[in-house]
């Protein structure tokens, strides 16, 4: 059985990843040159994916 800390860390990963994606989109809309921030966007997407996987794993363990 997984602990609550795993769920909390997955939720934090999901929130920070989503906030980073939103910030990227806002800067892109405002006309910033985002070509050097593509790796950051990929890391943010990875955070969101791992957060979702962690939440699904926690729900399946219950």
N, C-alpha and C. Protein backbone atom coordinates (compact mmCIF):
# COMPACT_ATOMS: atom_id res chain seq x y z
N UNK A 1 0.84 -1.18 0.00
CA UNK A 1 0.00 0.00 0.00
C UNK A 1 0.89 1.25 0.00
N UNK A 2 0.60 2.15 -0.86
CA UNK A 2 1.40 3.36 -0.97
C UNK A 2 1.01 4.36 0.11
N UNK A 3 1.95 5.23 0.44
CA UNK A 3 1.68 6.22 1.47
C UNK A 3 1.04 7.46 0.86
N UNK A 4 0.53 8.28 1.74
CA UNK A 4 -0.08 9.54 1.30
C UNK A 4 0.97 10.49 0.71
N UNK A 5 2.23 10.31 1.12
CA UNK A 5 3.28 11.18 0.60
C UNK A 5 3.48 10.98 -0.89
N UNK A 6 3.29 9.76 -1.37
CA UNK A 6 3.40 9.52 -2.81
C UNK A 6 2.30 10.26 -3.56
N UNK A 7 1.10 10.26 -3.00
CA UNK A 7 0.00 10.99 -3.63
C UNK A 7 0.27 12.49 -3.61
N UNK A 8 0.74 12.99 -2.48
CA UNK A 8 1.01 14.43 -2.38
C UNK A 8 2.10 14.84 -3.36
N UNK A 9 3.16 14.05 -3.47
CA UNK A 9 4.23 14.40 -4.40
C UNK A 9 3.75 14.33 -5.85
N UNK A 10 2.87 13.40 -6.17
CA UNK A 10 2.32 13.32 -7.53
C UNK A 10 1.45 14.52 -7.84
N UNK A 11 0.67 14.97 -6.86
CA UNK A 11 -0.16 16.15 -7.07
C UNK A 11 0.71 17.39 -7.25
N UNK A 12 1.78 17.50 -6.47
CA UNK A 12 2.69 18.65 -6.60
C UNK A 12 3.36 18.63 -7.97
N UNK A 13 3.77 17.46 -8.44
CA UNK A 13 4.37 17.36 -9.78
C UNK A 13 3.38 17.81 -10.84
N UNK A 14 2.14 17.37 -10.71
CA UNK A 14 1.11 17.73 -11.67
C UNK A 14 0.87 19.24 -11.68
N UNK A 15 0.79 19.84 -10.51
CA UNK A 15 0.52 21.28 -10.41
C UNK A 15 1.68 22.09 -10.98
N UNK A 16 2.92 21.76 -10.59
CA UNK A 16 4.06 22.52 -11.10
C UNK A 16 4.24 22.34 -12.60
N UNK A 17 4.02 21.15 -13.09
CA UNK A 17 4.11 20.92 -14.52
C UNK A 17 3.06 21.71 -15.29
N UNK A 18 1.84 21.70 -14.78
CA UNK A 18 0.76 22.44 -15.44
C UNK A 18 1.04 23.95 -15.41
N UNK A 19 1.54 24.45 -14.28
CA UNK A 19 1.86 25.88 -14.20
C UNK A 19 2.99 26.26 -15.16
N UNK A 20 3.97 25.40 -15.33
CA UNK A 20 5.05 25.67 -16.27
C UNK A 20 4.55 25.69 -17.70
N UNK A 21 3.64 24.78 -18.03
CA UNK A 21 3.07 24.76 -19.38
C UNK A 21 2.26 26.02 -19.63
N UNK A 22 1.47 26.43 -18.65
CA UNK A 22 0.67 27.66 -18.79
C UNK A 22 1.58 28.87 -18.96
N UNK A 23 2.66 28.94 -18.18
CA UNK A 23 3.60 30.05 -18.30
C UNK A 23 4.25 30.07 -19.69
N UNK A 24 4.60 28.90 -20.19
CA UNK A 24 5.19 28.81 -21.52
C UNK A 24 4.21 29.34 -22.58
N UNK A 25 2.95 28.93 -22.47
CA UNK A 25 1.94 29.36 -23.44
C UNK A 25 1.71 30.87 -23.36
N UNK A 26 1.67 31.41 -22.14
CA UNK A 26 1.46 32.85 -21.99
C UNK A 26 2.62 33.63 -22.60
N UNK A 27 3.85 33.19 -22.35
CA UNK A 27 4.99 33.87 -22.94
C UNK A 27 5.00 33.74 -24.46
N UNK A 28 4.59 32.58 -24.96
CA UNK A 28 4.54 32.38 -26.41
C UNK A 28 3.51 33.30 -27.05
N UNK A 29 2.36 33.46 -26.42
CA UNK A 29 1.31 34.33 -26.94
C UNK A 29 1.77 35.79 -26.95
N UNK A 30 2.55 36.16 -25.94
CA UNK A 30 3.02 37.55 -25.85
C UNK A 30 4.17 37.85 -26.80
N UNK A 31 4.60 36.87 -27.58
CA UNK A 31 5.59 37.13 -28.63
C UNK A 31 7.02 36.89 -28.24
N UNK A 32 7.26 36.25 -27.12
CA UNK A 32 8.65 35.95 -26.73
C UNK A 32 9.23 34.88 -27.64
N UNK A 33 10.56 34.91 -27.80
CA UNK A 33 11.25 33.87 -28.55
C UNK A 33 11.42 32.66 -27.62
N UNK A 34 10.67 31.61 -27.87
CA UNK A 34 10.63 30.46 -26.96
C UNK A 34 11.44 29.28 -27.46
N UNK A 35 12.25 29.49 -28.47
CA UNK A 35 12.99 28.36 -29.04
C UNK A 35 13.99 27.76 -28.04
N UNK A 36 14.55 28.56 -27.17
CA UNK A 36 15.50 28.02 -26.21
C UNK A 36 14.83 27.42 -24.99
N UNK A 37 13.51 27.53 -24.88
CA UNK A 37 12.78 27.01 -23.73
C UNK A 37 12.01 25.73 -24.06
N UNK A 38 12.26 25.14 -25.20
CA UNK A 38 11.56 23.91 -25.59
C UNK A 38 11.89 22.76 -24.64
N UNK A 39 13.14 22.68 -24.19
CA UNK A 39 13.51 21.61 -23.25
C UNK A 39 12.75 21.77 -21.94
N UNK A 40 12.57 23.00 -21.50
CA UNK A 40 11.80 23.26 -20.28
C UNK A 40 10.35 22.81 -20.46
N UNK A 41 9.80 23.06 -21.64
CA UNK A 41 8.44 22.61 -21.92
C UNK A 41 8.36 21.09 -21.88
N UNK A 42 9.33 20.42 -22.44
CA UNK A 42 9.34 18.96 -22.42
C UNK A 42 9.45 18.42 -20.99
N UNK A 43 10.26 19.07 -20.15
CA UNK A 43 10.36 18.67 -18.75
C UNK A 43 9.05 18.90 -18.01
N UNK A 44 8.36 19.99 -18.34
CA UNK A 44 7.07 20.26 -17.71
C UNK A 44 6.04 19.21 -18.12
N UNK A 45 6.05 18.82 -19.38
CA UNK A 45 5.14 17.76 -19.83
C UNK A 45 5.48 16.45 -19.13
N UNK A 46 6.76 16.18 -18.95
CA UNK A 46 7.17 14.96 -18.23
C UNK A 46 6.69 15.00 -16.79
N UNK A 47 6.74 16.16 -16.15
CA UNK A 47 6.22 16.28 -14.78
C UNK A 47 4.73 16.00 -14.72
N UNK A 48 4.00 16.53 -15.68
CA UNK A 48 2.56 16.29 -15.72
C UNK A 48 2.27 14.81 -15.91
N UNK A 49 2.98 14.18 -16.82
CA UNK A 49 2.75 12.76 -17.09
C UNK A 49 3.08 11.90 -15.88
N UNK A 50 4.23 12.17 -15.24
CA UNK A 50 4.58 11.37 -14.06
C UNK A 50 3.63 11.64 -12.90
N UNK A 51 3.14 12.86 -12.79
CA UNK A 51 2.15 13.16 -11.76
C UNK A 51 0.86 12.40 -11.99
N UNK A 52 0.39 12.36 -13.22
CA UNK A 52 -0.83 11.62 -13.55
C UNK A 52 -0.64 10.13 -13.31
N UNK A 53 0.50 9.60 -13.72
CA UNK A 53 0.77 8.17 -13.51
C UNK A 53 0.80 7.84 -12.02
N UNK A 54 1.42 8.72 -11.22
CA UNK A 54 1.47 8.51 -9.78
C UNK A 54 0.10 8.52 -9.14
N UNK A 55 -0.76 9.43 -9.58
CA UNK A 55 -2.12 9.50 -9.03
C UNK A 55 -2.91 8.26 -9.42
N UNK A 56 -2.77 7.82 -10.67
CA UNK A 56 -3.48 6.62 -11.12
C UNK A 56 -2.99 5.39 -10.35
N UNK A 57 -1.68 5.29 -10.14
CA UNK A 57 -1.13 4.18 -9.37
C UNK A 57 -1.66 4.18 -7.95
N UNK A 58 -1.76 5.37 -7.35
CA UNK A 58 -2.26 5.46 -5.98
C UNK A 58 -3.72 5.02 -5.91
N UNK A 59 -4.51 5.45 -6.90
CA UNK A 59 -5.93 5.09 -6.90
C UNK A 59 -6.11 3.59 -7.13
N UNK A 60 -5.25 2.98 -7.93
CA UNK A 60 -5.36 1.54 -8.20
C UNK A 60 -4.91 0.70 -7.00
N UNK A 61 -4.07 1.25 -6.13
CA UNK A 61 -3.62 0.52 -4.95
C UNK A 61 -4.69 0.47 -3.86
N UNK A 62 -5.60 1.39 -3.88
CA UNK A 62 -6.63 1.44 -2.83
C UNK A 62 -7.64 0.35 -2.95
